[in-house]
Amino acid sequence: MIIGHQRIWQFLSKSAQGGRLAHAYLFVGSSGIGKKKVAFEFAKLLQCKKPLKKQGNFDSCGECRDCLLIERNQHPDVLLIESDNETSEAKEEEKQTKIQEIKIEQIRALQHQINLSPYSGEHKIVIIDSSENLTHEAANCLLKTLEEPSQKSVLILVSSSWQKLLPTIVSRCQMINFLPVKSQVIIEGLQKLGAKNKAKIIQAVRFACGRPGVALKIMNEPQFLAKNIQLIEDLERLMKKDLVERFRYAKDLSQNSVSAKEVLDQWVIWFRDKILSELGNKNLLVLGEENSKNIFSLAKIIESIKNIQQTQRLLEDSSFNSRLILENLMLKI
């Protein structure tokens, strides 16, 4: 079940039914917004033997052999490519410290796969998750595939940082931009999936900030919410530290780009709550009233959010020194 993104699904559904498929798509949007989910549902629709018409759009039946195999990521004609360490059995903390990469060997395996005839469906479908993690060699290798696409292949690149991709790759894909989903739509989606605790649903939706995947993760993994609240508590302690401590924190954070992105996302939420508290909208607070006490002016809060967002954009560019970028942020907040 897809939560939100109705217009995107309508477009993809009509493209599939009308036979107007692009050889390559680029799904872009925030992490956890639902890009990968839609990619898999699209793959199911393309391979489904008994598609259904729902609310004017075609959808997969979810019950045929092809649908069930895709759901389990076992379909011979649907290939998922992820960062190399994501597919390993490394412990979670080890994955966080390893460089996220999609290597040239994985793209060569992709090329071999799509040149084979489809086993059971009409298409060979490849989903490349976090495609911004392609190494330079892998990206150039993929470019050759995009320049000379197989007649039966459909490539779906998924990215939360598409600016890191080669411009020549982006130009050869049909870009689809995933925007935040309305809170009420996420609430209704969670309820349809069986969630009943209203307070927990509201907390998950507020924390997710329009990202259905994040809301689902909060509902299903209590430790995920606890981890992110801990990141915010770390910020509150950091605000009281001197520059030496702040720079030490920046150094540690700069050594893990994945962690840095997660941390800065939570910082935006913390400052957002300060704005809502200042404006008297305490019913919209993510962290609750006990965390809404404000020690900054509204102008300072807005400036801090802008600085964090600018830092996030700079960190997207691997040519910059991430430690210096984060140290500069420490001077401003």
Protein backbone atom coordinates (compact mmCIF):
# COMPACT_ATOMS: atom_id res chain seq x y z
CA MET A 1 0.00 0.00 0.00
CA ILE A 2 1.27 3.45 -0.99
CA ILE A 3 0.58 6.28 1.44
CA GLY A 4 0.07 9.50 -0.52
CA HIS A 5 1.69 10.34 -3.88
CA GLN A 6 -1.62 9.86 -5.69
CA ARG A 7 -0.70 12.02 -8.70
CA ILE A 8 2.59 10.21 -9.16
CA TRP A 9 0.86 6.84 -9.04
CA GLN A 10 -1.81 8.01 -11.47
CA PHE A 11 0.91 9.06 -13.93
CA LEU A 12 2.84 5.79 -13.58
CA SER A 13 -0.32 3.70 -13.83
CA LYS A 14 -1.42 5.41 -17.04
CA SER A 15 2.08 5.10 -18.48
CA ALA A 16 2.10 1.36 -17.79
CA GLN A 17 -1.37 0.77 -19.24
CA GLY A 18 -0.73 2.96 -22.27
CA GLY A 19 2.62 1.39 -23.06
CA ARG A 20 4.34 4.76 -22.76
CA LEU A 21 7.13 3.67 -20.43
CA ALA A 22 10.41 5.54 -20.16
CA HIS A 23 13.53 3.41 -20.28
CA ALA A 24 14.77 5.09 -17.10
CA TYR A 25 13.13 6.97 -14.23
CA LEU A 26 14.70 9.03 -11.48
CA PHE A 27 12.65 9.15 -8.28
CA VAL A 28 13.84 12.06 -6.12
CA GLY A 29 12.79 13.28 -2.69
CA SER A 30 13.61 13.19 1.00
CA SER A 31 14.73 9.98 2.67
CA GLY A 32 11.73 8.01 3.93
CA ILE A 33 9.21 9.83 1.73
CA GLY A 34 8.17 6.68 -0.17
CA LYS A 35 10.28 6.59 -3.35
CA LYS A 36 11.48 3.00 -2.96
CA LYS A 37 8.00 1.81 -1.99
CA VAL A 38 6.50 3.34 -5.12
CA ALA A 39 9.32 1.83 -7.22
CA PHE A 40 8.48 -1.66 -6.00
CA GLU A 41 4.73 -1.12 -6.44
CA PHE A 42 5.42 0.07 -9.99
CA ALA A 43 7.49 -3.07 -10.63
CA LYS A 44 4.59 -5.18 -9.33
CA LEU A 45 2.15 -3.40 -11.64
CA LEU A 46 4.40 -3.98 -14.66
CA GLN A 47 4.79 -7.69 -13.91
CA CYS A 48 1.32 -8.45 -12.52
CA LYS A 49 -0.74 -10.97 -14.49
CA LYS A 50 -4.09 -9.79 -13.09
CA PRO A 51 -3.95 -6.00 -12.58
CA LEU A 52 -6.97 -4.39 -10.93
CA LYS A 53 -8.61 -1.02 -11.50
CA LYS A 54 -8.87 0.97 -8.25
CA GLN A 55 -10.20 4.53 -8.03
CA GLY A 56 -9.61 5.06 -11.73
CA ASN A 57 -6.00 3.79 -11.65
CA PHE A 58 -4.61 0.36 -12.41
CA ASP A 59 -2.83 -1.45 -9.59
CA SER A 60 -1.26 -4.86 -9.07
CA CYS A 61 -3.42 -7.61 -7.61
CA GLY A 62 -0.91 -8.31 -4.85
CA GLU A 63 -1.79 -11.99 -4.94
CA CYS A 64 -0.38 -13.54 -8.12
CA ARG A 65 2.97 -15.33 -8.16
CA ASP A 66 4.78 -12.35 -9.69
CA CYS A 67 3.45 -9.90 -7.09
CA LEU A 68 4.35 -12.19 -4.20
CA LEU A 69 7.87 -12.80 -5.54
CA ILE A 70 8.49 -9.06 -5.92
CA GLU A 71 7.15 -8.47 -2.41
CA ARG A 72 9.81 -10.90 -1.13
CA ASN A 73 12.48 -9.44 -3.48
CA GLN A 74 12.83 -12.83 -5.16
CA HIS A 75 11.50 -12.13 -8.65
CA PRO A 76 13.98 -13.18 -11.38
CA ASP A 77 13.07 -10.18 -13.55
CA VAL A 78 13.27 -7.52 -10.83
CA LEU A 79 16.73 -6.62 -9.55
CA LEU A 80 17.41 -4.38 -6.54
CA ILE A 81 20.82 -2.73 -6.34
CA GLU A 82 21.87 -1.10 -3.06
CA SER A 83 25.06 0.30 -1.57
CA ASP A 84 27.55 -2.52 -1.13
CA ASN A 85 27.54 -2.42 2.68
CA GLU A 86 23.74 -2.39 2.78
CA THR A 87 23.70 -5.86 1.25
CA SER A 88 26.28 -7.27 3.64
CA GLU A 89 25.58 -8.83 7.01
CA ALA A 90 27.67 -6.28 8.88
CA LYS A 91 26.40 -5.03 12.21
CA GLU A 92 24.41 -1.82 12.10
CA GLU A 93 27.11 0.26 13.77
CA GLU A 94 29.69 -1.04 11.27
CA LYS A 95 27.42 -0.12 8.36
CA GLN A 96 27.11 3.43 9.68
CA THR A 97 30.88 3.95 9.61
CA LYS A 98 31.53 2.33 6.22
CA ILE A 99 31.47 4.36 3.02
CA GLN A 100 28.18 3.95 1.19
CA GLU A 101 29.03 2.85 -2.35
CA ILE A 102 27.47 1.19 -5.35
CA LYS A 103 30.40 -0.38 -7.17
CA ILE A 104 31.12 -1.01 -10.82
CA GLU A 105 30.81 -4.78 -10.30
CA GLN A 106 27.19 -4.31 -9.29
CA ILE A 107 26.45 -2.28 -12.44
CA ARG A 108 28.13 -4.89 -14.62
CA ALA A 109 25.90 -7.51 -13.02
CA LEU A 110 22.95 -5.25 -13.85
CA GLN A 111 24.03 -5.02 -17.49
CA HIS A 112 24.26 -8.79 -17.74
CA GLN A 113 20.85 -9.21 -16.14
CA ILE A 114 18.92 -6.82 -18.39
CA ASN A 115 20.42 -8.31 -21.54
CA LEU A 116 18.77 -11.64 -20.72
CA SER A 117 15.25 -12.33 -21.90
CA PRO A 118 12.57 -11.82 -19.23
CA TYR A 119 11.87 -15.02 -17.33
CA SER A 120 8.15 -14.60 -16.67
CA GLY A 121 7.10 -11.04 -17.47
CA GLU A 122 7.42 -8.53 -20.28
CA HIS A 123 10.13 -6.43 -18.62
CA LYS A 124 13.46 -6.58 -16.89
CA ILE A 125 13.21 -4.05 -14.06
CA VAL A 126 16.15 -2.67 -12.10
CA ILE A 127 15.72 -0.53 -8.98
CA ILE A 128 18.89 1.31 -7.90
CA ASP A 129 18.36 2.54 -4.35
CA SER A 130 20.40 5.52 -3.09
CA SER A 131 21.77 5.94 -6.60
CA GLU A 132 23.75 8.99 -5.49
CA ASN A 133 26.18 6.45 -3.96
CA LEU A 134 27.38 5.25 -7.36
CA THR A 135 31.15 5.42 -7.57
CA HIS A 136 32.55 7.40 -10.50
CA GLU A 137 33.40 4.18 -12.33
CA ALA A 138 29.97 2.70 -11.65
CA ALA A 139 28.23 5.88 -12.81
CA ASN A 140 30.10 5.89 -16.12
CA CYS A 141 29.33 2.22 -16.57
CA LEU A 142 25.63 2.88 -15.94
CA LEU A 143 25.69 5.75 -18.40
CA LYS A 144 26.50 3.33 -21.20
CA THR A 145 23.39 1.34 -20.31
CA LEU A 146 21.27 4.49 -20.34
CA GLU A 147 22.69 5.55 -23.71
CA GLU A 148 21.89 2.15 -25.27
CA PRO A 149 18.89 0.85 -23.31
CA SER A 150 17.63 -2.70 -23.74
CA GLN A 151 14.20 -2.82 -25.40
CA LYS A 152 12.63 -4.72 -22.50
CA SER A 153 14.38 -2.97 -19.60
CA VAL A 154 13.05 -0.37 -17.15
CA LEU A 155 15.54 1.27 -14.79
CA ILE A 156 14.37 3.14 -11.70
CA LEU A 157 16.99 5.24 -9.92
CA VAL A 158 16.01 6.28 -6.39
CA SER A 159 17.81 9.20 -4.78
CA SER A 160 17.51 11.61 -1.87
CA SER A 161 20.57 13.54 -3.16
CA TRP A 162 20.18 13.50 -6.92
CA GLN A 163 22.51 16.49 -7.34
CA LYS A 164 25.40 14.08 -6.73
CA LEU A 165 24.54 12.13 -9.86
CA LEU A 166 26.30 12.83 -13.14
CA PRO A 167 24.31 15.42 -15.12
CA THR A 168 24.45 13.08 -18.10
CA ILE A 169 22.69 10.38 -16.07
CA VAL A 170 20.02 12.79 -14.86
CA SER A 171 19.35 14.04 -18.38
CA ARG A 172 18.66 10.50 -19.60
CA CYS A 173 16.07 9.77 -16.93
CA GLN A 174 12.49 10.92 -16.50
CA MET A 175 12.60 12.71 -13.16
CA ILE A 176 9.71 12.30 -10.75
CA ASN A 177 9.77 14.54 -7.69
CA PHE A 178 8.24 13.19 -4.46
CA LEU A 179 6.85 15.93 -2.21
CA PRO A 180 5.89 15.68 1.49
CA VAL A 181 2.55 13.98 2.12
CA LYS A 182 -0.19 15.74 4.08
CA SER A 183 -0.45 14.71 7.73
CA GLN A 184 -4.07 13.58 7.44
CA VAL A 185 -3.23 11.32 4.51
CA ILE A 186 -0.45 9.66 6.53
CA ILE A 187 -2.77 9.26 9.54
CA GLU A 188 -5.40 7.56 7.37
CA GLY A 189 -2.72 5.37 5.78
CA LEU A 190 -1.39 4.21 9.14
CA GLN A 191 -4.92 3.42 10.31
CA LYS A 192 -5.61 1.37 7.17
CA LEU A 193 -2.45 -0.61 7.95
CA GLY A 194 -3.84 -1.46 11.38
CA ALA A 195 -2.44 1.24 13.69
CA LYS A 196 -4.87 1.98 16.52
CA ASN A 197 -3.01 4.01 19.16
CA LYS A 198 -4.10 7.55 18.26
CA ALA A 199 -1.48 9.32 20.42
CA LYS A 200 1.31 7.23 18.91
CA ILE A 201 0.01 7.83 15.38
CA ILE A 202 -0.06 11.62 15.94
CA GLN A 203 3.47 11.58 17.38
CA ALA A 204 4.78 9.51 14.46
CA VAL A 205 3.15 11.76 11.87
CA ARG A 206 4.43 14.98 13.44
CA PHE A 207 7.94 13.58 13.74
CA ALA A 208 7.89 12.31 10.14
CA CYS A 209 7.30 15.79 8.67
CA GLY A 210 5.46 14.50 5.60
CA ARG A 211 7.49 11.29 5.13
CA PRO A 212 5.27 8.17 5.30
CA GLY A 213 8.25 5.82 5.50
CA VAL A 214 9.55 7.58 8.60
CA ALA A 215 6.10 7.45 10.22
CA LEU A 216 5.88 3.71 9.54
CA LYS A 217 9.35 3.13 10.98
CA ILE A 218 8.45 5.01 14.15
CA MET A 219 5.28 2.91 14.53
CA ASN A 220 7.10 -0.38 13.94
CA GLU A 221 10.47 0.29 15.59
CA PRO A 222 10.27 2.09 18.98
CA GLN A 223 14.06 2.24 19.14
CA PHE A 224 14.11 4.37 15.99
CA LEU A 225 12.16 7.15 17.69
CA ALA A 226 14.27 6.82 20.84
CA LYS A 227 17.44 7.17 18.77
CA ASN A 228 16.26 10.37 17.12
CA ILE A 229 15.10 11.88 20.39
CA GLN A 230 18.57 11.13 21.72
CA LEU A 231 20.07 13.12 18.83
CA ILE A 232 17.95 16.10 19.83
CA GLU A 233 18.95 15.77 23.47
CA ASP A 234 22.58 15.74 22.32
CA LEU A 235 21.93 19.06 20.56
CA GLU A 236 20.47 20.59 23.72
CA ARG A 237 23.62 19.63 25.62
CA LEU A 238 25.82 20.85 22.78
CA MET A 239 24.20 24.30 22.85
CA LYS A 240 25.63 24.75 26.36
CA LYS A 241 29.18 23.67 25.43
CA ASP A 242 32.15 25.83 24.49
CA LEU A 243 33.69 25.90 21.01
CA VAL A 244 36.30 23.28 21.86
CA GLU A 245 33.56 20.75 22.63
CA ARG A 246 31.53 21.82 19.63
CA PHE A 247 34.49 21.41 17.27
CA ARG A 248 35.21 17.98 18.74
CA TYR A 249 31.61 17.04 18.03
CA ALA A 250 31.93 18.39 14.46
CA LYS A 251 35.04 16.27 13.90
CA ASP A 252 33.27 13.10 15.03
CA LEU A 253 30.21 13.91 12.95
CA SER A 254 32.23 14.65 9.81
CA GLN A 255 33.56 11.10 9.75
CA ASN A 256 30.11 9.69 9.02
CA SER A 257 28.06 11.39 6.30
CA VAL A 258 25.01 9.19 6.98
CA SER A 259 24.99 10.11 10.65
CA ALA A 260 25.55 13.81 9.86
CA LYS A 261 22.46 13.88 7.65
CA GLU A 262 20.33 12.20 10.33
CA VAL A 263 21.60 14.55 13.03
CA LEU A 264 20.94 17.72 11.02
CA ASP A 265 17.45 16.52 10.14
CA GLN A 266 16.67 16.22 13.85
CA TRP A 267 18.17 19.63 14.57
CA VAL A 268 15.72 21.20 12.09
CA ILE A 269 12.85 19.51 13.96
CA TRP A 270 14.15 20.85 17.29
CA PHE A 271 14.34 24.43 15.98
CA ARG A 272 10.98 24.02 14.22
CA ASP A 273 9.40 23.21 17.58
CA LYS A 274 10.90 26.40 18.97
CA ILE A 275 9.19 28.42 16.23
CA LEU A 276 5.84 26.73 16.84
CA SER A 277 6.16 27.37 20.57
CA GLU A 278 7.03 31.02 19.97
CA LEU A 279 3.97 31.39 17.74
CA GLY A 280 1.70 29.65 20.22
CA ASN A 281 1.04 26.53 18.10
CA LYS A 282 1.93 24.05 20.83
CA ASN A 283 -0.59 21.51 19.54
CA LEU A 284 1.74 20.94 16.56
CA LEU A 285 4.90 20.30 18.57
CA VAL A 286 6.83 17.16 17.69
CA LEU A 287 8.70 16.87 20.97
CA GLY A 288 6.05 18.00 23.43
CA GLU A 289 5.73 21.11 25.58
CA GLU A 290 8.42 20.03 28.03
CA ASN A 291 10.99 20.42 25.22
CA SER A 292 9.58 23.66 23.82
CA LYS A 293 11.11 26.15 26.26
CA ASN A 294 12.67 28.85 24.16
CA ILE A 295 15.98 30.54 24.88
CA PHE A 296 16.30 32.20 21.45
CA SER A 297 14.63 35.03 19.63
CA LEU A 298 12.44 34.12 16.66
CA ALA A 299 14.97 35.75 14.30
CA LYS A 300 17.80 33.64 15.78
CA ILE A 301 15.77 30.43 15.38
CA ILE A 302 14.99 31.17 11.73
CA GLU A 303 18.63 32.05 11.08
CA SER A 304 19.75 28.78 12.70
CA ILE A 305 17.40 26.72 10.52
CA LYS A 306 18.73 28.47 7.41
CA ASN A 307 22.30 27.76 8.50
CA ILE A 308 21.53 24.08 9.10
CA GLN A 309 19.84 23.75 5.71
CA GLN A 310 22.75 25.49 4.01
CA THR A 311 25.10 23.05 5.76
CA GLN A 312 23.01 20.13 4.49
CA ARG A 313 23.30 21.41 0.93
CA LEU A 314 27.07 21.88 1.22
CA LEU A 315 27.49 18.37 2.64
CA GLU A 316 25.77 17.01 -0.48
CA ASP A 317 28.85 18.10 -2.44
CA SER A 318 31.69 15.67 -1.77
CA SER A 319 34.26 18.21 -3.03
CA PHE A 320 33.87 20.25 0.19
CA ASN A 321 35.62 19.49 3.48
CA SER A 322 32.78 18.21 5.68
CA ARG A 323 34.64 18.90 8.92
CA LEU A 324 35.14 22.57 8.05
CA ILE A 325 31.51 22.88 6.97
CA LEU A 326 30.30 21.47 10.28
CA GLU A 327 32.73 23.58 12.30
CA ASN A 328 31.38 26.66 10.53
CA LEU A 329 27.87 25.63 11.56
CA MET A 330 29.02 25.28 15.19
CA LEU A 331 30.10 28.92 15.09
CA LYS A 332 26.67 30.06 13.92
CA ILE A 333 24.15 28.18 16.06
